[in-house]
Amino acid sequence: MTNPTPWRATVLTLFPEMFPGPLGVSLAGRALASGLWQIEARDIRASATDRHRSVDDTPAGGGPGMVLRADVLAAAIDAADIGPERPRLLMSPRGRPLTQAHVVELAQGPGPLIVCGRFEGIDQRVIDARGLEEVSIGDYVLSGGELAAMALIDACVRLLPGVMGKEASGAEESFSDGLLEYPQYTRPQLFEGVPIPEILTSGDHAKVAAWRRAQSEALTAARRPDLWAQIPPKAPNRPGRQKTPKNKTDG
């Protein structure tokens, strides 16, 4: 079921000129040009009230850096006037890890408002008062939330109806069923002495599907034991599950 209006991303940032950036090319860019989705980058600084257009101040209690002011950001959020049905997100390294399931949920909605932080962070009071959901794209720190917002938007846009060439493309990817994606191959048949696995050229679709599933399970067990542990076993001899050490941790 498609939305009556295009999916829309509203981004609050100190650098609106960064958008659409990479989102203006390839799949996302073509979809943007054809009206399948929309993006609005709003300058937080436009909501500042002093002549210097100040948006930050020193941290209460002391410490390095600066903190984005609650009053300025709250005014910017209110000015966006997005309505209660759209989620309000804050890109933050301390937030809820972004997962494919969350991306699917966001893509099926009307589109989020995304706040891009800068400096040492933003005043906690505006996070609480405006109901911002903190979202992280990984355990590392960026200069600001803009690149993280682009990653989130791109992940959502590619799932919108009409964006990808084949709908099946989105159904057979890493994380779509909780597993990492199986290895892919294409021509030439022989590359530096290594052939394409024979089963992939056998024409037996059932065997190909089984091979791909086994490869996905083995890769997930080896590289992402955290994901593998969340998948209930289907059979006692399920590949890789019994061999995963209980004390193994992410690298």
C-alpha atoms as a PDB file:
ATOM      1  CA  MET A   1       0.000   0.000   0.000  1.00  0.00           C
ATOM      2  CA  THR A   2       1.513   3.324  -1.080  1.00  0.00           C
ATOM      3  CA  ASN A   3       1.264   6.600   0.753  1.00  0.00           C
ATOM      4  CA  PRO A   4      -1.181   9.194  -0.662  1.00  0.00           C
ATOM      5  CA  THR A   5       1.694  11.703  -0.681  1.00  0.00           C
ATOM      6  CA  PRO A   6       5.384  11.086  -1.438  1.00  0.00           C
ATOM      7  CA  TRP A   7       7.631   9.886   1.371  1.00  0.00           C
ATOM      8  CA  ARG A   8       9.313  12.952   2.821  1.00  0.00           C
ATOM      9  CA  ALA A   9      12.481  13.541   4.827  1.00  0.00           C
ATOM     10  CA  THR A  10      12.725  16.820   6.727  1.00  0.00           C
ATOM     11  CA  VAL A  11      16.275  17.456   7.910  1.00  0.00           C
ATOM     12  CA  LEU A  12      17.222  20.053  10.522  1.00  0.00           C
ATOM     13  CA  THR A  13      20.881  20.957  10.140  1.00  0.00           C
ATOM     14  CA  LEU A  14      23.388  23.784  10.449  1.00  0.00           C
ATOM     15  CA  PHE A  15      24.571  22.893   6.942  1.00  0.00           C
ATOM     16  CA  PRO A  16      21.529  22.607   4.648  1.00  0.00           C
ATOM     17  CA  GLU A  17      23.800  22.990   1.636  1.00  0.00           C
ATOM     18  CA  MET A  18      25.009  19.422   2.268  1.00  0.00           C
ATOM     19  CA  PHE A  19      21.663  18.102   0.985  1.00  0.00           C
ATOM     20  CA  PRO A  20      20.687  16.293  -1.135  1.00  0.00           C
ATOM     21  CA  GLY A  21      24.388  15.579  -1.731  1.00  0.00           C
ATOM     22  CA  PRO A  22      24.844  11.869  -2.533  1.00  0.00           C
ATOM     23  CA  LEU A  23      21.078  11.444  -2.268  1.00  0.00           C
ATOM     24  CA  GLY A  24      20.761  13.402  -5.502  1.00  0.00           C
ATOM     25  CA  VAL A  25      22.430  10.716  -7.650  1.00  0.00           C
ATOM     26  CA  SER A  26      21.899   7.055  -8.586  1.00  0.00           C
ATOM     27  CA  LEU A  27      18.716   5.309  -7.381  1.00  0.00           C
ATOM     28  CA  ALA A  28      17.810   7.901  -4.768  1.00  0.00           C
ATOM     29  CA  GLY A  29      18.520  10.776  -7.137  1.00  0.00           C
ATOM     30  CA  ARG A  30      16.390   9.376  -9.948  1.00  0.00           C
ATOM     31  CA  ALA A  31      13.569   8.698  -7.514  1.00  0.00           C
ATOM     32  CA  LEU A  32      13.874  12.222  -6.131  1.00  0.00           C
ATOM     33  CA  ALA A  33      13.734  13.730  -9.627  1.00  0.00           C
ATOM     34  CA  SER A  34      10.675  11.647 -10.498  1.00  0.00           C
ATOM     35  CA  GLY A  35       8.813  12.670  -7.348  1.00  0.00           C
ATOM     36  CA  LEU A  36       8.818   9.309  -5.577  1.00  0.00           C
ATOM     37  CA  TRP A  37      10.165  11.042  -2.469  1.00  0.00           C
ATOM     38  CA  GLN A  38      11.008  14.523  -1.248  1.00  0.00           C
ATOM     39  CA  ILE A  39      13.649  16.103   0.964  1.00  0.00           C
ATOM     40  CA  GLU A  40      13.595  19.406   2.804  1.00  0.00           C
ATOM     41  CA  ALA A  41      16.777  20.648   4.489  1.00  0.00           C
ATOM     42  CA  ARG A  42      16.020  23.379   7.034  1.00  0.00           C
ATOM     43  CA  ASP A  43      18.655  25.609   8.606  1.00  0.00           C
ATOM     44  CA  ILE A  44      18.571  25.433  12.422  1.00  0.00           C
ATOM     45  CA  ARG A  45      20.318  28.799  12.520  1.00  0.00           C
ATOM     46  CA  ALA A  46      17.233  30.436  11.012  1.00  0.00           C
ATOM     47  CA  SER A  47      15.538  29.976  14.387  1.00  0.00           C
ATOM     48  CA  ALA A  48      18.228  31.864  16.324  1.00  0.00           C
ATOM     49  CA  THR A  49      17.008  35.129  17.831  1.00  0.00           C
ATOM     50  CA  ASP A  50      20.151  37.208  18.408  1.00  0.00           C
ATOM     51  CA  ARG A  51      21.978  39.266  15.791  1.00  0.00           C
ATOM     52  CA  HIS A  52      24.855  36.784  15.699  1.00  0.00           C
ATOM     53  CA  ARG A  53      22.449  33.899  15.011  1.00  0.00           C
ATOM     54  CA  SER A  54      23.938  31.942  17.911  1.00  0.00           C
ATOM     55  CA  VAL A  55      22.848  28.322  18.218  1.00  0.00           C
ATOM     56  CA  ASP A  56      25.159  26.989  20.918  1.00  0.00           C
ATOM     57  CA  ASP A  57      26.589  27.764  24.345  1.00  0.00           C
ATOM     58  CA  THR A  58      29.047  26.327  26.864  1.00  0.00           C
ATOM     59  CA  PRO A  59      28.087  23.086  28.660  1.00  0.00           C
ATOM     60  CA  ALA A  60      26.445  23.458  32.059  1.00  0.00           C
ATOM     61  CA  GLY A  61      28.823  22.068  34.663  1.00  0.00           C
ATOM     62  CA  GLY A  62      31.855  22.810  32.549  1.00  0.00           C
ATOM     63  CA  GLY A  63      33.756  20.747  30.036  1.00  0.00           C
ATOM     64  CA  PRO A  64      35.068  21.083  26.489  1.00  0.00           C
ATOM     65  CA  GLY A  65      33.163  22.132  23.418  1.00  0.00           C
ATOM     66  CA  MET A  66      29.762  23.661  22.971  1.00  0.00           C
ATOM     67  CA  VAL A  67      26.165  22.411  23.248  1.00  0.00           C
ATOM     68  CA  LEU A  68      23.280  23.135  20.870  1.00  0.00           C
ATOM     69  CA  ARG A  69      20.735  25.273  22.700  1.00  0.00           C
ATOM     70  CA  ALA A  70      17.330  23.845  23.584  1.00  0.00           C
ATOM     71  CA  ASP A  71      15.377  27.012  22.780  1.00  0.00           C
ATOM     72  CA  VAL A  72      16.848  27.423  19.302  1.00  0.00           C
ATOM     73  CA  LEU A  73      16.431  23.778  18.308  1.00  0.00           C
ATOM     74  CA  ALA A  74      12.917  23.599  19.762  1.00  0.00           C
ATOM     75  CA  ALA A  75      11.950  26.632  17.685  1.00  0.00           C
ATOM     76  CA  ALA A  76      13.423  24.982  14.565  1.00  0.00           C
ATOM     77  CA  ILE A  77      11.465  21.778  15.216  1.00  0.00           C
ATOM     78  CA  ASP A  78       8.244  23.706  15.810  1.00  0.00           C
ATOM     79  CA  ALA A  79       8.779  25.767  12.653  1.00  0.00           C
ATOM     80  CA  ALA A  80       9.047  22.579  10.601  1.00  0.00           C
ATOM     81  CA  ASP A  81       5.414  21.865  11.588  1.00  0.00           C
ATOM     82  CA  ILE A  82       5.545  18.193  10.604  1.00  0.00           C
ATOM     83  CA  GLY A  83       2.507  16.990  12.548  1.00  0.00           C
ATOM     84  CA  PRO A  84       2.232  14.162  15.088  1.00  0.00           C
ATOM     85  CA  GLU A  85       2.188  11.274  12.594  1.00  0.00           C
ATOM     86  CA  ARG A  86       5.816  11.658  11.492  1.00  0.00           C
ATOM     87  CA  PRO A  87       8.636  10.281  13.682  1.00  0.00           C
ATOM     88  CA  ARG A  88      11.181  12.702  15.117  1.00  0.00           C
ATOM     89  CA  LEU A  89      14.707  11.335  15.042  1.00  0.00           C
ATOM     90  CA  LEU A  90      18.038  12.589  16.366  1.00  0.00           C
ATOM     91  CA  MET A  91      21.161  11.087  14.830  1.00  0.00           C
ATOM     92  CA  SER A  92      23.326  10.274  17.844  1.00  0.00           C
ATOM     93  CA  PRO A  93      26.102   7.751  18.651  1.00  0.00           C
ATOM     94  CA  ARG A  94      24.333   6.957  21.913  1.00  0.00           C
ATOM     95  CA  GLY A  95      21.045   6.159  20.167  1.00  0.00           C
ATOM     96  CA  ARG A  96      19.216   2.969  19.275  1.00  0.00           C
ATOM     97  CA  PRO A  97      21.218   1.070  16.634  1.00  0.00           C
ATOM     98  CA  LEU A  98      19.609   1.400  13.214  1.00  0.00           C
ATOM     99  CA  THR A  99      18.483  -1.984  11.892  1.00  0.00           C
ATOM    100  CA  GLN A 100      16.916  -3.103   8.644  1.00  0.00           C
ATOM    101  CA  ALA A 101      13.669  -3.758  10.490  1.00  0.00           C
ATOM    102  CA  HIS A 102      13.631  -0.148  11.695  1.00  0.00           C
ATOM    103  CA  VAL A 103      14.430   1.060   8.170  1.00  0.00           C
ATOM    104  CA  VAL A 104      11.479  -0.928   6.785  1.00  0.00           C
ATOM    105  CA  GLU A 105       9.219   0.596   9.434  1.00  0.00           C
ATOM    106  CA  LEU A 106      10.356   4.124   8.564  1.00  0.00           C
ATOM    107  CA  ALA A 107      10.049   3.494   4.816  1.00  0.00           C
ATOM    108  CA  GLN A 108       6.454   2.365   5.242  1.00  0.00           C
ATOM    109  CA  GLY A 109       5.512   5.583   7.034  1.00  0.00           C
ATOM    110  CA  PRO A 110       5.199   9.185   5.815  1.00  0.00           C
ATOM    111  CA  GLY A 111       8.885   9.956   6.420  1.00  0.00           C
ATOM    112  CA  PRO A 112      10.768  11.328   9.420  1.00  0.00           C
ATOM    113  CA  LEU A 113      12.032  14.627  10.687  1.00  0.00           C
ATOM    114  CA  ILE A 114      15.750  14.150  11.346  1.00  0.00           C
ATOM    115  CA  VAL A 115      17.783  16.397  13.620  1.00  0.00           C
ATOM    116  CA  CYS A 116      21.504  16.521  12.848  1.00  0.00           C
ATOM    117  CA  GLY A 117      23.505  17.341  15.945  1.00  0.00           C
ATOM    118  CA  ARG A 118      26.841  19.141  16.064  1.00  0.00           C
ATOM    119  CA  PHE A 119      29.354  20.210  18.708  1.00  0.00           C
ATOM    120  CA  GLU A 120      29.348  18.159  21.945  1.00  0.00           C
ATOM    121  CA  GLY A 121      25.657  17.370  21.612  1.00  0.00           C
ATOM    122  CA  ILE A 122      22.317  19.035  22.169  1.00  0.00           C
ATOM    123  CA  ASP A 123      20.532  20.109  25.331  1.00  0.00           C
ATOM    124  CA  GLN A 124      18.760  17.086  26.839  1.00  0.00           C
ATOM    125  CA  ARG A 125      15.675  19.169  27.583  1.00  0.00           C
ATOM    126  CA  VAL A 126      14.778  19.569  23.903  1.00  0.00           C
ATOM    127  CA  ILE A 127      15.254  15.826  23.335  1.00  0.00           C
ATOM    128  CA  ASP A 128      12.709  15.169  26.081  1.00  0.00           C
ATOM    129  CA  ALA A 129      10.341  18.042  25.304  1.00  0.00           C
ATOM    130  CA  ARG A 130      10.060  17.331  21.581  1.00  0.00           C
ATOM    131  CA  GLY A 131      10.126  13.543  21.825  1.00  0.00           C
ATOM    132  CA  LEU A 132      13.262  12.957  19.771  1.00  0.00           C
ATOM    133  CA  GLU A 133      14.192   9.305  19.242  1.00  0.00           C
ATOM    134  CA  GLU A 134      17.963   8.930  19.223  1.00  0.00           C
ATOM    135  CA  VAL A 135      19.257   6.695  16.420  1.00  0.00           C
ATOM    136  CA  SER A 136      22.824   5.508  15.804  1.00  0.00           C
ATOM    137  CA  ILE A 137      24.347   4.108  12.610  1.00  0.00           C
ATOM    138  CA  GLY A 138      27.354   2.651  14.422  1.00  0.00           C
ATOM    139  CA  ASP A 139      29.695   2.724  17.377  1.00  0.00           C
ATOM    140  CA  TYR A 140      31.798   5.665  16.229  1.00  0.00           C
ATOM    141  CA  VAL A 141      31.598   9.454  16.298  1.00  0.00           C
ATOM    142  CA  LEU A 142      31.174  11.712  13.266  1.00  0.00           C
ATOM    143  CA  SER A 143      31.637  15.488  13.062  1.00  0.00           C
ATOM    144  CA  GLY A 144      27.880  15.864  12.805  1.00  0.00           C
ATOM    145  CA  GLY A 145      24.677  14.016  12.096  1.00  0.00           C
ATOM    146  CA  GLU A 146      24.412  14.891   8.414  1.00  0.00           C
ATOM    147  CA  LEU A 147      26.235  11.859   6.996  1.00  0.00           C
ATOM    148  CA  ALA A 148      24.335   9.593   9.363  1.00  0.00           C
ATOM    149  CA  ALA A 149      21.056  11.163   8.231  1.00  0.00           C
ATOM    150  CA  MET A 150      22.004  10.545   4.598  1.00  0.00           C
ATOM    151  CA  ALA A 151      22.696   6.882   5.357  1.00  0.00           C
ATOM    152  CA  LEU A 152      19.326   6.487   7.051  1.00  0.00           C
ATOM    153  CA  ILE A 153      17.455   8.281   4.255  1.00  0.00           C
ATOM    154  CA  ASP A 154      19.179   6.251   1.537  1.00  0.00           C
ATOM    155  CA  ALA A 155      18.335   2.998   3.319  1.00  0.00           C
ATOM    156  CA  CYS A 156      14.673   4.030   3.432  1.00  0.00           C
ATOM    157  CA  VAL A 157      14.365   5.494  -0.060  1.00  0.00           C
ATOM    158  CA  ARG A 158      15.633   2.380  -1.830  1.00  0.00           C
ATOM    159  CA  LEU A 159      12.712   0.447  -0.291  1.00  0.00           C
ATOM    160  CA  LEU A 160      10.028   2.817  -1.563  1.00  0.00           C
ATOM    161  CA  PRO A 161       7.745   1.413  -4.295  1.00  0.00           C
ATOM    162  CA  GLY A 162       9.158   2.052  -7.755  1.00  0.00           C
ATOM    163  CA  VAL A 163      12.706   2.937  -6.662  1.00  0.00           C
ATOM    164  CA  MET A 164      14.486  -0.395  -7.207  1.00  0.00           C
ATOM    165  CA  GLY A 165      14.262  -2.107 -10.559  1.00  0.00           C
ATOM    166  CA  LYS A 166      13.218  -5.479  -9.134  1.00  0.00           C
ATOM    167  CA  GLU A 167      11.175  -5.754  -5.949  1.00  0.00           C
ATOM    168  CA  ALA A 168      12.979  -9.020  -5.162  1.00  0.00           C
ATOM    169  CA  SER A 169      16.237  -7.090  -4.886  1.00  0.00           C
ATOM    170  CA  GLY A 170      15.241  -5.772  -1.482  1.00  0.00           C
ATOM    171  CA  ALA A 171      14.064  -9.147  -0.248  1.00  0.00           C
ATOM    172  CA  GLU A 172      17.358 -11.011  -0.767  1.00  0.00           C
ATOM    173  CA  GLU A 173      19.839  -8.739   0.979  1.00  0.00           C
ATOM    174  CA  SER A 174      21.794  -8.733   4.202  1.00  0.00           C
ATOM    175  CA  PHE A 175      19.500  -8.420   7.243  1.00  0.00           C
ATOM    176  CA  SER A 176      16.279  -8.927   5.246  1.00  0.00           C
ATOM    177  CA  ASP A 177      15.718 -12.207   7.086  1.00  0.00           C
ATOM    178  CA  GLY A 178      18.179 -11.661   9.917  1.00  0.00           C
ATOM    179  CA  LEU A 179      21.112 -13.140   7.982  1.00  0.00           C
ATOM    180  CA  LEU A 180      24.015 -11.667   6.053  1.00  0.00           C
ATOM    181  CA  GLU A 181      23.730 -11.942   2.292  1.00  0.00           C
ATOM    182  CA  TYR A 182      25.272 -14.888   0.470  1.00  0.00           C
ATOM    183  CA  PRO A 183      28.279 -14.353  -1.884  1.00  0.00           C
ATOM    184  CA  GLN A 184      27.498 -13.080  -5.379  1.00  0.00           C
ATOM    185  CA  TYR A 185      29.180 -14.060  -8.673  1.00  0.00           C
ATOM    186  CA  THR A 186      28.950 -13.044 -12.327  1.00  0.00           C
ATOM    187  CA  ARG A 187      30.927 -13.401 -15.554  1.00  0.00           C
ATOM    188  CA  PRO A 188      33.643 -14.201 -16.449  1.00  0.00           C
ATOM    189  CA  GLN A 189      33.225 -17.870 -15.632  1.00  0.00           C
ATOM    190  CA  LEU A 190      36.896 -18.095 -14.670  1.00  0.00           C
ATOM    191  CA  PHE A 191      38.684 -15.259 -12.832  1.00  0.00           C
ATOM    192  CA  GLU A 192      42.396 -15.623 -12.034  1.00  0.00           C
ATOM    193  CA  GLY A 193      41.965 -19.377 -11.986  1.00  0.00           C
ATOM    194  CA  VAL A 194      38.904 -19.332  -9.707  1.00  0.00           C
ATOM    195  CA  PRO A 195      35.612 -20.504 -11.260  1.00  0.00           C
ATOM    196  CA  ILE A 196      32.069 -19.578 -10.326  1.00  0.00           C
ATOM    197  CA  PRO A 197      30.748 -22.272  -7.934  1.00  0.00           C
ATOM    198  CA  GLU A 198      29.383 -25.031 -10.146  1.00  0.00           C
ATOM    199  CA  ILE A 199      26.047 -25.201  -8.361  1.00  0.00           C
ATOM    200  CA  LEU A 200      25.203 -21.631  -9.429  1.00  0.00           C
ATOM    201  CA  THR A 201      25.387 -22.590 -13.091  1.00  0.00           C
ATOM    202  CA  SER A 202      23.590 -25.931 -12.659  1.00  0.00           C
ATOM    203  CA  GLY A 203      20.124 -24.585 -13.458  1.00  0.00           C
ATOM    204  CA  ASP A 204      18.731 -26.351 -10.373  1.00  0.00           C
ATOM    205  CA  HIS A 205      16.913 -23.521  -8.596  1.00  0.00           C
ATOM    206  CA  ALA A 206      16.187 -25.522  -5.462  1.00  0.00           C
ATOM    207  CA  LYS A 207      19.836 -26.447  -5.016  1.00  0.00           C
ATOM    208  CA  VAL A 208      20.901 -22.838  -5.695  1.00  0.00           C
ATOM    209  CA  ALA A 209      18.479 -21.585  -3.042  1.00  0.00           C
ATOM    210  CA  ALA A 210      19.722 -24.150  -0.530  1.00  0.00           C
ATOM    211  CA  TRP A 211      23.365 -23.269  -1.271  1.00  0.00           C
ATOM    212  CA  ARG A 212      22.697 -19.567  -0.835  1.00  0.00           C
ATOM    213  CA  ARG A 213      20.880 -20.144   2.444  1.00  0.00           C
ATOM    214  CA  ALA A 214      23.743 -22.276   3.763  1.00  0.00           C
ATOM    215  CA  GLN A 215      26.254 -19.621   2.737  1.00  0.00           C
ATOM    216  CA  SER A 216      24.237 -16.886   4.473  1.00  0.00           C
ATOM    217  CA  GLU A 217      24.011 -18.934   7.647  1.00  0.00           C
ATOM    218  CA  ALA A 218      27.725 -19.741   7.672  1.00  0.00           C
ATOM    219  CA  LEU A 219      28.719 -16.114   7.070  1.00  0.00           C
ATOM    220  CA  THR A 220      26.361 -14.858   9.765  1.00  0.00           C
ATOM    221  CA  ALA A 221      27.590 -17.390  12.315  1.00  0.00           C
ATOM    222  CA  ALA A 222      31.226 -16.502  11.591  1.00  0.00           C
ATOM    223  CA  ARG A 223      31.010 -12.741  11.240  1.00  0.00           C
ATOM    224  CA  ARG A 224      27.986 -11.707  13.289  1.00  0.00           C
ATOM    225  CA  PRO A 225      27.429 -14.119  16.174  1.00  0.00           C
ATOM    226  CA  ASP A 226      25.195 -11.478  17.762  1.00  0.00           C
ATOM    227  CA  LEU A 227      22.750 -11.796  14.859  1.00  0.00           C
ATOM    228  CA  TRP A 228      23.144 -15.573  14.654  1.00  0.00           C
ATOM    229  CA  ALA A 229      22.234 -15.978  18.320  1.00  0.00           C
ATOM    230  CA  GLN A 230      18.863 -14.322  17.669  1.00  0.00           C
ATOM    231  CA  ILE A 231      17.821 -16.803  14.965  1.00  0.00           C
ATOM    232  CA  PRO A 232      16.099 -19.944  16.324  1.00  0.00           C
ATOM    233  CA  PRO A 233      17.518 -23.195  14.918  1.00  0.00           C
ATOM    234  CA  LYS A 234      15.316 -25.094  12.449  1.00  0.00           C
ATOM    235  CA  ALA A 235      17.101 -28.421  12.762  1.00  0.00           C
ATOM    236  CA  PRO A 236      19.775 -30.068  14.959  1.00  0.00           C
ATOM    237  CA  ASN A 237      22.275 -30.132  12.085  1.00  0.00           C
ATOM    238  CA  ARG A 238      21.793 -26.500  11.094  1.00  0.00           C
ATOM    239  CA  PRO A 239      25.116 -25.320   9.576  1.00  0.00           C
ATOM    240  CA  GLY A 240      27.367 -23.356  11.892  1.00  0.00           C
ATOM    241  CA  ARG A 241      25.058 -23.016  14.891  1.00  0.00           C
ATOM    242  CA  GLN A 242      26.479 -25.803  17.021  1.00  0.00           C
ATOM    243  CA  LYS A 243      30.017 -24.669  16.249  1.00  0.00           C
ATOM    244  CA  THR A 244      29.634 -21.047  17.341  1.00  0.00           C
ATOM    245  CA  PRO A 245      31.613 -20.577  20.578  1.00  0.00           C
ATOM    246  CA  LYS A 246      29.478 -19.217  23.403  1.00  0.00           C
ATOM    247  CA  ASN A 247      32.201 -16.829  24.485  1.00  0.00           C
ATOM    248  CA  LYS A 248      32.774 -15.393  21.022  1.00  0.00           C
ATOM    249  CA  THR A 249      32.320 -11.638  20.800  1.00  0.00           C
ATOM    250  CA  ASP A 250      32.134  -9.096  17.992  1.00  0.00           C
ATOM    251  CA  GLY A 251      35.400  -7.913  16.565  1.00  0.00           C
END
